[in-house]
Amino acid sequence: MGPLLALTFALMVVGLLGSVLPGLPGVTLIFLSALLYAILTDFRTIGVVILVVLFVFAAIALVADFVATSYGARRFEAGNWATGIRFKGGLVAWRPRRQSAPCGWRGPADRPLTAET
């Protein structure tokens, strides 16, 4: 087994764990690792048709996860507000987070307003 195949397999195992553990994008990680392997091997091992099928399955799994979570929230009497906030929170969580500034650095917005300013 070559190093590329071993890396792909490791990413897929992490993706499989992500299907069970919260906070890891399981389905997305599995699909992206297959896509990366296909690109790096010039689509010799994994063809475009297989990638399209994997993409369709990944999309179905993501939609099913969203629907099941919403259904579970409704089942346990969550209101429209709570369901909407959960959806918006999920969108915010996928954004890349900005790194914090080094200790002691304060930008112009962080300065307190005084009479001299």
PDB file of N, CA and C in Angstrom:
ATOM      1  N   MET A   1       0.860  -1.176   0.000  1.00  0.00           N
ATOM      2  CA  MET A   1       0.000   0.000   0.000  1.00  0.00           C
ATOM      3  C   MET A   1       0.902   1.233   0.000  1.00  0.00           C
ATOM      4  N   GLY A   2       0.664   2.102  -0.963  1.00  0.00           N
ATOM      5  CA  GLY A   2       1.467   3.308  -1.100  1.00  0.00           C
ATOM      6  C   GLY A   2       1.079   4.356  -0.077  1.00  0.00           C
ATOM      7  N   PRO A   3       1.909   5.380   0.078  1.00  0.00           N
ATOM      8  CA  PRO A   3       1.621   6.422   1.072  1.00  0.00           C
ATOM      9  C   PRO A   3       0.353   7.225   0.744  1.00  0.00           C
ATOM     10  N   LEU A   4       0.071   7.412  -0.538  1.00  0.00           N
ATOM     11  CA  LEU A   4      -1.138   8.151  -0.917  1.00  0.00           C
ATOM     12  C   LEU A   4      -2.394   7.376  -0.549  1.00  0.00           C
ATOM     13  N   LEU A   5      -2.359   6.078  -0.813  1.00  0.00           N
ATOM     14  CA  LEU A   5      -3.501   5.233  -0.456  1.00  0.00           C
ATOM     15  C   LEU A   5      -3.661   5.144   1.060  1.00  0.00           C
ATOM     16  N   ALA A   6      -2.550   5.089   1.789  1.00  0.00           N
ATOM     17  CA  ALA A   6      -2.611   5.046   3.254  1.00  0.00           C
ATOM     18  C   ALA A   6      -3.192   6.335   3.818  1.00  0.00           C
ATOM     19  N   LEU A   7      -2.802   7.487   3.239  1.00  0.00           N
ATOM     20  CA  LEU A   7      -3.343   8.765   3.686  1.00  0.00           C
ATOM     21  C   LEU A   7      -4.841   8.842   3.400  1.00  0.00           C
ATOM     22  N   THR A   8      -5.239   8.403   2.218  1.00  0.00           N
ATOM     23  CA  THR A   8      -6.666   8.401   1.868  1.00  0.00           C
ATOM     24  C   THR A   8      -7.448   7.510   2.813  1.00  0.00           C
ATOM     25  N   PHE A   9      -6.909   6.335   3.091  1.00  0.00           N
ATOM     26  CA  PHE A   9      -7.576   5.413   4.010  1.00  0.00           C
ATOM     27  C   PHE A   9      -7.698   6.025   5.407  1.00  0.00           C
ATOM     28  N   ALA A  10      -6.645   6.698   5.876  1.00  0.00           N
ATOM     29  CA  ALA A  10      -6.682   7.329   7.198  1.00  0.00           C
ATOM     30  C   ALA A  10      -7.735   8.436   7.242  1.00  0.00           C
ATOM     31  N   LEU A  11      -7.814   9.243   6.188  1.00  0.00           N
ATOM     32  CA  LEU A  11      -8.830  10.303   6.141  1.00  0.00           C
ATOM     33  C   LEU A  11     -10.237   9.722   6.125  1.00  0.00           C
ATOM     34  N   MET A  12     -10.407   8.614   5.430  1.00  0.00           N
ATOM     35  CA  MET A  12     -11.730   7.977   5.391  1.00  0.00           C
ATOM     36  C   MET A  12     -12.106   7.391   6.745  1.00  0.00           C
ATOM     37  N   VAL A  13     -11.127   6.855   7.467  1.00  0.00           N
ATOM     38  CA  VAL A  13     -11.405   6.337   8.817  1.00  0.00           C
ATOM     39  C   VAL A  13     -11.805   7.489   9.744  1.00  0.00           C
ATOM     40  N   VAL A  14     -11.116   8.619   9.634  1.00  0.00           N
ATOM     41  CA  VAL A  14     -11.498   9.792  10.437  1.00  0.00           C
ATOM     42  C   VAL A  14     -12.896  10.252  10.047  1.00  0.00           C
ATOM     43  N   GLY A  15     -13.209  10.219   8.752  1.00  0.00           N
ATOM     44  CA  GLY A  15     -14.550  10.563   8.291  1.00  0.00           C
ATOM     45  C   GLY A  15     -15.592   9.599   8.820  1.00  0.00           C
ATOM     46  N   LEU A  16     -15.243   8.322   8.879  1.00  0.00           N
ATOM     47  CA  LEU A  16     -16.165   7.327   9.434  1.00  0.00           C
ATOM     48  C   LEU A  16     -16.410   7.593  10.919  1.00  0.00           C
ATOM     49  N   LEU A  17     -15.353   7.961  11.634  1.00  0.00           N
ATOM     50  CA  LEU A  17     -15.527   8.335  13.042  1.00  0.00           C
ATOM     51  C   LEU A  17     -16.381   9.604  13.152  1.00  0.00           C
ATOM     52  N   GLY A  18     -16.228  10.502  12.185  1.00  0.00           N
ATOM     53  CA  GLY A  18     -17.007  11.731  12.184  1.00  0.00           C
ATOM     54  C   GLY A  18     -18.488  11.486  11.955  1.00  0.00           C
ATOM     55  N   SER A  19     -18.833  10.352  11.403  1.00  0.00           N
ATOM     56  CA  SER A  19     -20.248  10.024  11.239  1.00  0.00           C
ATOM     57  C   SER A  19     -20.901   9.724  12.578  1.00  0.00           C
ATOM     58  N   VAL A  20     -20.093   9.383  13.566  1.00  0.00           N
ATOM     59  CA  VAL A  20     -20.617   9.041  14.890  1.00  0.00           C
ATOM     60  C   VAL A  20     -20.322  10.133  15.909  1.00  0.00           C
ATOM     61  N   LEU A  21     -19.124  10.717  15.831  1.00  0.00           N
ATOM     62  CA  LEU A  21     -18.715  11.731  16.803  1.00  0.00           C
ATOM     63  C   LEU A  21     -19.158  13.113  16.347  1.00  0.00           C
ATOM     64  N   PRO A  22     -19.664  13.917  17.261  1.00  0.00           N
ATOM     65  CA  PRO A  22     -20.057  15.270  16.867  1.00  0.00           C
ATOM     66  C   PRO A  22     -18.832  16.153  16.620  1.00  0.00           C
ATOM     67  N   GLY A  23     -18.980  17.084  15.711  1.00  0.00           N
ATOM     68  CA  GLY A  23     -17.916  18.040  15.445  1.00  0.00           C
ATOM     69  C   GLY A  23     -17.028  17.685  14.275  1.00  0.00           C
ATOM     70  N   LEU A  24     -17.056  16.441  13.812  1.00  0.00           N
ATOM     71  CA  LEU A  24     -16.269  16.055  12.653  1.00  0.00           C
ATOM     72  C   LEU A  24     -17.194  15.887  11.454  1.00  0.00           C
ATOM     73  N   PRO A  25     -16.862  16.477  10.323  1.00  0.00           N
ATOM     74  CA  PRO A  25     -17.719  16.355   9.134  1.00  0.00           C
ATOM     75  C   PRO A  25     -17.494  15.015   8.445  1.00  0.00           C
ATOM     76  N   GLY A  26     -18.163  13.974   8.887  1.00  0.00           N
ATOM     77  CA  GLY A  26     -17.908  12.618   8.427  1.00  0.00           C
ATOM     78  C   GLY A  26     -18.112  12.401   6.946  1.00  0.00           C
ATOM     79  N   VAL A  27     -19.315  12.620   6.469  1.00  0.00           N
ATOM     80  CA  VAL A  27     -19.639  12.364   5.064  1.00  0.00           C
ATOM     81  C   VAL A  27     -18.798  13.248   4.151  1.00  0.00           C
ATOM     82  N   THR A  28     -18.658  14.494   4.517  1.00  0.00           N
ATOM     83  CA  THR A  28     -17.876  15.429   3.704  1.00  0.00           C
ATOM     84  C   THR A  28     -16.414  15.004   3.631  1.00  0.00           C
ATOM     85  N   LEU A  29     -15.860  14.570   4.734  1.00  0.00           N
ATOM     86  CA  LEU A  29     -14.460  14.160   4.764  1.00  0.00           C
ATOM     87  C   LEU A  29     -14.232  12.901   3.934  1.00  0.00           C
ATOM     88  N   ILE A  30     -15.159  11.971   3.982  1.00  0.00           N
ATOM     89  CA  ILE A  30     -15.030  10.757   3.174  1.00  0.00           C
ATOM     90  C   ILE A  30     -15.068  11.098   1.686  1.00  0.00           C
ATOM     91  N   PHE A  31     -16.018  11.943   1.291  1.00  0.00           N
ATOM     92  CA  PHE A  31     -16.106  12.315  -0.123  1.00  0.00           C
ATOM     93  C   PHE A  31     -14.870  13.087  -0.574  1.00  0.00           C
ATOM     94  N   LEU A  32     -14.425  14.045   0.231  1.00  0.00           N
ATOM     95  CA  LEU A  32     -13.262  14.844  -0.156  1.00  0.00           C
ATOM     96  C   LEU A  32     -11.988  14.012  -0.241  1.00  0.00           C
ATOM     97  N   SER A  33     -11.852  13.005   0.617  1.00  0.00           N
ATOM     98  CA  SER A  33     -10.668  12.148   0.534  1.00  0.00           C
ATOM     99  C   SER A  33     -10.704  11.306  -0.741  1.00  0.00           C
ATOM    100  N   ALA A  34     -11.887  10.818  -1.144  1.00  0.00           N
ATOM    101  CA  ALA A  34     -11.996  10.080  -2.407  1.00  0.00           C
ATOM    102  C   ALA A  34     -11.718  11.001  -3.592  1.00  0.00           C
ATOM    103  N   LEU A  35     -12.212  12.224  -3.534  1.00  0.00           N
ATOM    104  CA  LEU A  35     -11.967  13.194  -4.609  1.00  0.00           C
ATOM    105  C   LEU A  35     -10.483  13.530  -4.713  1.00  0.00           C
ATOM    106  N   LEU A  36      -9.840  13.759  -3.578  1.00  0.00           N
ATOM    107  CA  LEU A  36      -8.414  14.071  -3.578  1.00  0.00           C
ATOM    108  C   LEU A  36      -7.599  12.909  -4.144  1.00  0.00           C
ATOM    109  N   TYR A  37      -7.947  11.697  -3.756  1.00  0.00           N
ATOM    110  CA  TYR A  37      -7.238  10.521  -4.278  1.00  0.00           C
ATOM    111  C   TYR A  37      -7.429  10.401  -5.785  1.00  0.00           C
ATOM    112  N   ALA A  38      -8.651  10.654  -6.258  1.00  0.00           N
ATOM    113  CA  ALA A  38      -8.915  10.576  -7.698  1.00  0.00           C
ATOM    114  C   ALA A  38      -8.114  11.626  -8.453  1.00  0.00           C
ATOM    115  N   ILE A  39      -8.057  12.828  -7.919  1.00  0.00           N
ATOM    116  CA  ILE A  39      -7.310  13.904  -8.593  1.00  0.00           C
ATOM    117  C   ILE A  39      -5.817  13.593  -8.615  1.00  0.00           C
ATOM    118  N   LEU A  40      -5.276  13.130  -7.494  1.00  0.00           N
ATOM    119  CA  LEU A  40      -3.839  12.872  -7.417  1.00  0.00           C
ATOM    120  C   LEU A  40      -3.410  11.659  -8.238  1.00  0.00           C
ATOM    121  N   THR A  41      -4.321  10.738  -8.531  1.00  0.00           N
ATOM    122  CA  THR A  41      -3.989   9.579  -9.363  1.00  0.00           C
ATOM    123  C   THR A  41      -4.479   9.758 -10.794  1.00  0.00           C
ATOM    124  N   ASP A  42      -4.847  10.972 -11.163  1.00  0.00           N
ATOM    125  CA  ASP A  42      -5.325  11.288 -12.510  1.00  0.00           C
ATOM    126  C   ASP A  42      -6.528  10.447 -12.923  1.00  0.00           C
ATOM    127  N   PHE A  43      -7.400  10.152 -11.977  1.00  0.00           N
ATOM    128  CA  PHE A  43      -8.655   9.426 -12.214  1.00  0.00           C
ATOM    129  C   PHE A  43      -8.433   8.034 -12.816  1.00  0.00           C
ATOM    130  N   ARG A  44      -7.282   7.423 -12.535  1.00  0.00           N
ATOM    131  CA  ARG A  44      -7.019   6.071 -13.033  1.00  0.00           C
ATOM    132  C   ARG A  44      -7.732   5.027 -12.196  1.00  0.00           C
ATOM    133  N   THR A  45      -7.771   5.218 -10.892  1.00  0.00           N
ATOM    134  CA  THR A  45      -8.380   4.230 -10.002  1.00  0.00           C
ATOM    135  C   THR A  45      -9.854   4.532  -9.773  1.00  0.00           C
ATOM    136  N   ILE A  46     -10.147   5.774  -9.486  1.00  0.00           N
ATOM    137  CA  ILE A  46     -11.527   6.202  -9.246  1.00  0.00           C
ATOM    138  C   ILE A  46     -11.923   7.097 -10.411  1.00  0.00           C
ATOM    139  N   GLY A  47     -12.951   6.693 -11.134  1.00  0.00           N
ATOM    140  CA  GLY A  47     -13.384   7.446 -12.297  1.00  0.00           C
ATOM    141  C   GLY A  47     -14.380   8.535 -11.936  1.00  0.00           C
ATOM    142  N   VAL A  48     -14.734   9.306 -12.940  1.00  0.00           N
ATOM    143  CA  VAL A  48     -15.673  10.408 -12.757  1.00  0.00           C
ATOM    144  C   VAL A  48     -17.056   9.884 -12.380  1.00  0.00           C
ATOM    145  N   VAL A  49     -17.464   8.767 -12.966  1.00  0.00           N
ATOM    146  CA  VAL A  49     -18.788   8.200 -12.675  1.00  0.00           C
ATOM    147  C   VAL A  49     -18.890   7.817 -11.199  1.00  0.00           C
ATOM    148  N   ILE A  50     -17.858   7.200 -10.685  1.00  0.00           N
ATOM    149  CA  ILE A  50     -17.871   6.816  -9.269  1.00  0.00           C
ATOM    150  C   ILE A  50     -17.898   8.054  -8.383  1.00  0.00           C
ATOM    151  N   LEU A  51     -17.159   9.091  -8.757  1.00  0.00           N
ATOM    152  CA  LEU A  51     -17.178  10.322  -7.968  1.00  0.00           C
ATOM    153  C   LEU A  51     -18.550  10.983  -7.980  1.00  0.00           C
ATOM    154  N   VAL A  52     -19.228  10.948  -9.117  1.00  0.00           N
ATOM    155  CA  VAL A  52     -20.575  11.518  -9.189  1.00  0.00           C
ATOM    156  C   VAL A  52     -21.525  10.724  -8.291  1.00  0.00           C
ATOM    157  N   VAL A  53     -21.414   9.402  -8.316  1.00  0.00           N
ATOM    158  CA  VAL A  53     -22.256   8.566  -7.448  1.00  0.00           C
ATOM    159  C   VAL A  53     -21.956   8.861  -5.978  1.00  0.00           C
ATOM    160  N   LEU A  54     -20.668   8.967  -5.629  1.00  0.00           N
ATOM    161  CA  LEU A  54     -20.303   9.305  -4.244  1.00  0.00           C
ATOM    162  C   LEU A  54     -20.829  10.677  -3.846  1.00  0.00           C
ATOM    163  N   PHE A  55     -20.779  11.644  -4.778  1.00  0.00           N
ATOM    164  CA  PHE A  55     -21.296  12.979  -4.496  1.00  0.00           C
ATOM    165  C   PHE A  55     -22.798  12.931  -4.230  1.00  0.00           C
ATOM    166  N   VAL A  56     -23.523  12.176  -5.049  1.00  0.00           N
ATOM    167  CA  VAL A  56     -24.976  12.066  -4.852  1.00  0.00           C
ATOM    168  C   VAL A  56     -25.280  11.439  -3.494  1.00  0.00           C
ATOM    169  N   PHE A  57     -24.550  10.379  -3.142  1.00  0.00           N
ATOM    170  CA  PHE A  57     -24.764   9.747  -1.824  1.00  0.00           C
ATOM    171  C   PHE A  57     -24.416  10.702  -0.685  1.00  0.00           C
ATOM    172  N   ALA A  58     -23.340  11.466  -0.850  1.00  0.00           N
ATOM    173  CA  ALA A  58     -22.944  12.430   0.186  1.00  0.00           C
ATOM    174  C   ALA A  58     -24.005  13.513   0.341  1.00  0.00           C
ATOM    175  N   ALA A  59     -24.546  13.994  -0.777  1.00  0.00           N
ATOM    176  CA  ALA A  59     -25.590  15.026  -0.716  1.00  0.00           C
ATOM    177  C   ALA A  59     -26.847  14.477  -0.052  1.00  0.00           C
ATOM    178  N   ILE A  60     -27.221  13.264  -0.396  1.00  0.00           N
ATOM    179  CA  ILE A  60     -28.395  12.638   0.234  1.00  0.00           C
ATOM    180  C   ILE A  60     -28.167  12.486   1.734  1.00  0.00           C
ATOM    181  N   ALA A  61     -26.961  12.069   2.127  1.00  0.00           N
ATOM    182  CA  ALA A  61     -26.663  11.894   3.550  1.00  0.00           C
ATOM    183  C   ALA A  61     -26.711  13.222   4.299  1.00  0.00           C
ATOM    184  N   LEU A  62     -26.202  14.294   3.693  1.00  0.00           N
ATOM    185  CA  LEU A  62     -26.235  15.597   4.363  1.00  0.00           C
ATOM    186  C   LEU A  62     -27.659  16.117   4.504  1.00  0.00           C
ATOM    187  N   VAL A  63     -28.467  15.953   3.460  1.00  0.00           N
ATOM    188  CA  VAL A  63     -29.864  16.379   3.540  1.00  0.00           C
ATOM    189  C   VAL A  63     -30.619  15.534   4.561  1.00  0.00           C
ATOM    190  N   ALA A  64     -30.379  14.223   4.564  1.00  0.00           N
ATOM    191  CA  ALA A  64     -31.038  13.353   5.530  1.00  0.00           C
ATOM    192  C   ALA A  64     -30.652  13.715   6.962  1.00  0.00           C
ATOM    193  N   ASP A  65     -29.395  14.077   7.174  1.00  0.00           N
ATOM    194  CA  ASP A  65     -28.951  14.490   8.502  1.00  0.00           C
ATOM    195  C   ASP A  65     -29.667  15.758   8.941  1.00  0.00           C
ATOM    196  N   PHE A  66     -29.779  16.722   8.042  1.00  0.00           N
ATOM    197  CA  PHE A  66     -30.466  17.966   8.372  1.00  0.00           C
ATOM    198  C   PHE A  66     -31.949  17.717   8.668  1.00  0.00           C
ATOM    199  N   VAL A  67     -32.600  16.919   7.819  1.00  0.00           N
ATOM    200  CA  VAL A  67     -34.027  16.630   8.005  1.00  0.00           C
ATOM    201  C   VAL A  67     -34.256  15.850   9.295  1.00  0.00           C
ATOM    202  N   ALA A  68     -33.401  14.874   9.567  1.00  0.00           N
ATOM    203  CA  ALA A  68     -33.566  14.078  10.786  1.00  0.00           C
ATOM    204  C   ALA A  68     -33.360  14.928  12.039  1.00  0.00           C
ATOM    205  N   THR A  69     -32.402  15.825  11.994  1.00  0.00           N
ATOM    206  CA  THR A  69     -32.172  16.703  13.140  1.00  0.00           C
ATOM    207  C   THR A  69     -33.356  17.638  13.348  1.00  0.00           C
ATOM    208  N   SER A  70     -33.869  18.188  12.253  1.00  0.00           N
ATOM    209  CA  SER A  70     -35.041  19.062  12.368  1.00  0.00           C
ATOM    210  C   SER A  70     -36.257  18.294  12.873  1.00  0.00           C
ATOM    211  N   TYR A  71     -36.430  17.078  12.373  1.00  0.00           N
ATOM    212  CA  TYR A  71     -37.547  16.257  12.826  1.00  0.00           C
ATOM    213  C   TYR A  71     -37.410  15.938  14.316  1.00  0.00           C
ATOM    214  N   GLY A  72     -36.196  15.606  14.742  1.00  0.00           N
ATOM    215  CA  GLY A  72     -35.968  15.323  16.155  1.00  0.00           C
ATOM    216  C   GLY A  72     -36.243  16.524  17.028  1.00  0.00           C
ATOM    217  N   ALA A  73     -35.871  17.698  16.539  1.00  0.00           N
ATOM    218  CA  ALA A  73     -36.144  18.916  17.303  1.00  0.00           C
ATOM    219  C   ALA A  73     -37.648  19.144  17.400  1.00  0.00           C
ATOM    220  N   ARG A  74     -38.352  18.932  16.310  1.00  0.00           N
ATOM    221  CA  ARG A  74     -39.817  19.097  16.324  1.00  0.00           C
ATOM    222  C   ARG A  74     -40.479  18.057  17.209  1.00  0.00           C
ATOM    223  N   ARG A  75     -39.953  16.854  17.161  1.00  0.00           N
ATOM    224  CA  ARG A  75     -40.535  15.751  17.941  1.00  0.00           C
ATOM    225  C   ARG A  75     -40.487  16.051  19.430  1.00  0.00           C
ATOM    226  N   PHE A  76     -39.432  16.707  19.845  1.00  0.00           N
ATOM    227  CA  PHE A  76     -39.295  17.050  21.257  1.00  0.00           C
ATOM    228  C   PHE A  76     -39.705  18.487  21.518  1.00  0.00           C
ATOM    229  N   GLU A  77     -40.621  18.975  20.687  1.00  0.00           N
ATOM    230  CA  GLU A  77     -41.343  20.235  20.863  1.00  0.00           C
ATOM    231  C   GLU A  77     -40.466  21.484  20.808  1.00  0.00           C
ATOM    232  N   ALA A  78     -39.477  21.472  19.944  1.00  0.00           N
ATOM    233  CA  ALA A  78     -38.724  22.705  19.709  1.00  0.00           C
ATOM    234  C   ALA A  78     -39.548  23.577  18.774  1.00  0.00           C
ATOM    235  N   GLY A  79     -39.524  24.857  19.001  1.00  0.00           N
ATOM    236  CA  GLY A  79     -40.309  25.768  18.186  1.00  0.00           C
ATOM    237  C   GLY A  79     -39.588  26.177  16.917  1.00  0.00           C
ATOM    238  N   ASN A  80     -40.265  27.008  16.134  1.00  0.00           N
ATOM    239  CA  ASN A  80     -39.666  27.506  14.888  1.00  0.00           C
ATOM    240  C   ASN A  80     -38.387  28.284  15.163  1.00  0.00           C
ATOM    241  N   TRP A  81     -38.398  29.069  16.230  1.00  0.00           N
ATOM    242  CA  TRP A  81     -37.249  29.886  16.567  1.00  0.00           C
ATOM    243  C   TRP A  81     -36.026  29.008  16.842  1.00  0.00           C
ATOM    244  N   ALA A  82     -36.199  27.965  17.640  1.00  0.00           N
ATOM    245  CA  ALA A  82     -35.071  27.090  17.987  1.00  0.00           C
ATOM    246  C   ALA A  82     -34.546  26.343  16.766  1.00  0.00           C
ATOM    247  N   THR A  83     -35.441  25.891  15.903  1.00  0.00           N
ATOM    248  CA  THR A  83     -35.013  25.181  14.702  1.00  0.00           C
ATOM    249  C   THR A  83     -34.272  26.119  13.761  1.00  0.00           C
ATOM    250  N   GLY A  84     -34.757  27.347  13.612  1.00  0.00           N
ATOM    251  CA  GLY A  84     -34.082  28.324  12.750  1.00  0.00           C
ATOM    252  C   GLY A  84     -32.721  28.712  13.286  1.00  0.00           C
ATOM    253  N   ILE A  85     -32.621  28.888  14.595  1.00  0.00           N
ATOM    254  CA  ILE A  85     -31.338  29.230  15.205  1.00  0.00           C
ATOM    255  C   ILE A  85     -30.349  28.086  15.030  1.00  0.00           C
ATOM    256  N   ARG A  86     -30.802  26.864  15.135  1.00  0.00           N
ATOM    257  CA  ARG A  86     -29.922  25.713  14.946  1.00  0.00           C
ATOM    258  C   ARG A  86     -29.373  25.701  13.527  1.00  0.00           C
ATOM    259  N   PHE A  87     -30.226  25.984  12.548  1.00  0.00           N
ATOM    260  CA  PHE A  87     -29.787  26.008  11.153  1.00  0.00           C
ATOM    261  C   PHE A  87     -28.776  27.127  10.929  1.00  0.00           C
ATOM    262  N   LYS A  88     -29.078  28.316  11.444  1.00  0.00           N
ATOM    263  CA  LYS A  88     -28.155  29.440  11.277  1.00  0.00           C
ATOM    264  C   LYS A  88     -26.848  29.203  12.017  1.00  0.00           C
ATOM    265  N   GLY A  89     -26.923  28.582  13.171  1.00  0.00           N
ATOM    266  CA  GLY A  89     -25.709  28.258  13.910  1.00  0.00           C
ATOM    267  C   GLY A  89     -24.837  27.266  13.165  1.00  0.00           C
ATOM    268  N   GLY A  90     -25.462  26.329  12.474  1.00  0.00           N
ATOM    269  CA  GLY A  90     -24.701  25.391  11.658  1.00  0.00           C
ATOM    270  C   GLY A  90     -23.989  26.073  10.511  1.00  0.00           C
ATOM    271  N   LEU A  91     -24.640  27.052   9.920  1.00  0.00           N
ATOM    272  CA  LEU A  91     -23.991  27.800   8.838  1.00  0.00           C
ATOM    273  C   LEU A  91     -22.818  28.607   9.355  1.00  0.00           C
ATOM    274  N   VAL A  92     -22.977  29.219  10.523  1.00  0.00           N
ATOM    275  CA  VAL A  92     -21.894  30.020  11.101  1.00  0.00           C
ATOM    276  C   VAL A  92     -20.722  29.129  11.481  1.00  0.00           C
ATOM    277  N   ALA A  93     -21.000  27.933  11.959  1.00  0.00           N
ATOM    278  CA  ALA A  93     -19.935  27.034  12.408  1.00  0.00           C
ATOM    279  C   ALA A  93     -19.043  26.591  11.251  1.00  0.00           C
ATOM    280  N   TRP A  94     -19.542  26.598  10.033  1.00  0.00           N
ATOM    281  CA  TRP A  94     -18.746  26.158   8.898  1.00  0.00           C
ATOM    282  C   TRP A  94     -17.829  27.248   8.369  1.00  0.00           C
ATOM    283  N   ARG A  95     -18.005  28.492   8.792  1.00  0.00           N
ATOM    284  CA  ARG A  95     -17.130  29.562   8.336  1.00  0.00           C
ATOM    285  C   ARG A  95     -15.752  29.394   8.959  1.00  0.00           C
ATOM    286  N   PRO A  96     -14.709  29.766   8.232  1.00  0.00           N
ATOM    287  CA  PRO A  96     -13.377  29.725   8.838  1.00  0.00           C
ATOM    288  C   PRO A  96     -13.281  30.756   9.953  1.00  0.00           C
ATOM    289  N   ARG A  97     -12.684  30.365  11.026  1.00  0.00           N
ATOM    290  CA  ARG A  97     -12.573  31.270  12.167  1.00  0.00           C
ATOM    291  C   ARG A  97     -11.325  32.117  12.039  1.00  0.00           C
ATOM    292  N   ARG A  98     -11.443  33.365  12.459  1.00  0.00           N
ATOM    293  CA  ARG A  98     -10.315  34.290  12.402  1.00  0.00           C
ATOM    294  C   ARG A  98      -9.401  34.022  13.584  1.00  0.00           C
ATOM    295  N   GLN A  99      -8.105  34.071  13.331  1.00  0.00           N
ATOM    296  CA  GLN A  99      -7.126  33.865  14.395  1.00  0.00           C
ATOM    297  C   GLN A  99      -7.113  35.072  15.322  1.00  0.00           C
ATOM    298  N   SER A 100      -6.904  34.829  16.586  1.00  0.00           N
ATOM    299  CA  SER A 100      -6.862  35.943  17.531  1.00  0.00           C
ATOM    300  C   SER A 100      -5.527  36.681  17.398  1.00  0.00           C
ATOM    301  N   ALA A 101      -5.545  37.919  17.787  1.00  0.00           N
ATOM    302  CA  ALA A 101      -4.345  38.747  17.699  1.00  0.00           C
ATOM    303  C   ALA A 101      -3.347  38.332  18.770  1.00  0.00           C
ATOM    304  N   PRO A 102      -2.066  38.613  18.546  1.00  0.00           N
ATOM    305  CA  PRO A 102      -1.061  38.298  19.565  1.00  0.00           C
ATOM    306  C   PRO A 102      -1.353  39.039  20.871  1.00  0.00           C
ATOM    307  N   CYS A 103      -0.863  38.510  21.953  1.00  0.00           N
ATOM    308  CA  CYS A 103      -1.118  39.104  23.267  1.00  0.00           C
ATOM    309  C   CYS A 103      -0.610  40.544  23.327  1.00  0.00           C
ATOM    310  N   GLY A 104      -1.416  41.403  23.867  1.00  0.00           N
ATOM    311  CA  GLY A 104      -1.026  42.777  24.064  1.00  0.00           C
ATOM    312  C   GLY A 104      -1.321  43.680  22.888  1.00  0.00           C
ATOM    313  N   TRP A 105      -1.632  43.132  21.724  1.00  0.00           N
ATOM    314  CA  TRP A 105      -1.911  43.973  20.563  1.00  0.00           C
ATOM    315  C   TRP A 105      -3.347  44.439  20.605  1.00  0.00           C
ATOM    316  N   ARG A 106      -3.538  45.702  20.369  1.00  0.00           N
ATOM    317  CA  ARG A 106      -4.895  46.251  20.336  1.00  0.00           C
ATOM    318  C   ARG A 106      -5.020  47.094  19.092  1.00  0.00           C
ATOM    319  N   GLY A 107      -6.050  46.846  18.363  1.00  0.00           N
ATOM    320  CA  GLY A 107      -6.287  47.608  17.142  1.00  0.00           C
ATOM    321  C   GLY A 107      -7.048  48.882  17.439  1.00  0.00           C
ATOM    322  N   PRO A 108      -7.316  49.701  16.414  1.00  0.00           N
ATOM    323  CA  PRO A 108      -8.021  50.968  16.603  1.00  0.00           C
ATOM    324  C   PRO A 108      -9.415  50.781  17.186  1.00  0.00           C
ATOM    325  N   ALA A 109     -10.069  49.697  16.850  1.00  0.00           N
ATOM    326  CA  ALA A 109     -11.426  49.481  17.363  1.00  0.00           C
ATOM    327  C   ALA A 109     -11.406  49.089  18.842  1.00  0.00           C
ATOM    328  N   ASP A 110     -10.258  48.630  19.325  1.00  0.00           N
ATOM    329  CA  ASP A 110     -10.170  48.181  20.711  1.00  0.00           C
ATOM    330  C   ASP A 110      -9.834  49.307  21.688  1.00  0.00           C
ATOM    331  N   ARG A 111      -9.439  50.466  21.176  1.00  0.00           N
ATOM    332  CA  ARG A 111      -9.076  51.573  22.067  1.00  0.00           C
ATOM    333  C   ARG A 111     -10.315  52.188  22.697  1.00  0.00           C
ATOM    334  N   PRO A 112     -10.232  52.513  23.952  1.00  0.00           N
ATOM    335  CA  PRO A 112     -11.372  53.179  24.575  1.00  0.00           C
ATOM    336  C   PRO A 112     -11.498  54.604  24.063  1.00  0.00           C
ATOM    337  N   LEU A 113     -12.709  55.067  23.957  1.00  0.00           N
ATOM    338  CA  LEU A 113     -12.946  56.436  23.503  1.00  0.00           C
ATOM    339  C   LEU A 113     -12.694  57.402  24.658  1.00  0.00           C
ATOM    340  N   THR A 114     -11.879  58.411  24.407  1.00  0.00           N
ATOM    341  CA  THR A 114     -11.594  59.431  25.411  1.00  0.00           C
ATOM    342  C   THR A 114     -11.794  60.790  24.786  1.00  0.00           C
ATOM    343  N   ALA A 115     -11.675  61.840  25.587  1.00  0.00           N
ATOM    344  CA  ALA A 115     -11.866  63.197  25.087  1.00  0.00           C
ATOM    345  C   ALA A 115     -10.734  63.591  24.128  1.00  0.00           C
ATOM    346  N   GLU A 116      -9.539  63.019  24.293  1.00  0.00           N
ATOM    347  CA  GLU A 116      -8.413  63.362  23.444  1.00  0.00           C
ATOM    348  C   GLU A 116      -8.554  62.756  22.040  1.00  0.00           C
ATOM    349  N   THR A 117      -9.347  61.749  21.876  1.00  0.00           N
ATOM    350  CA  THR A 117      -9.451  61.075  20.591  1.00  0.00           C
ATOM    351  C   THR A 117     -10.270  61.792  19.670  1.00  0.00           C
TER     352      THR A 117
END
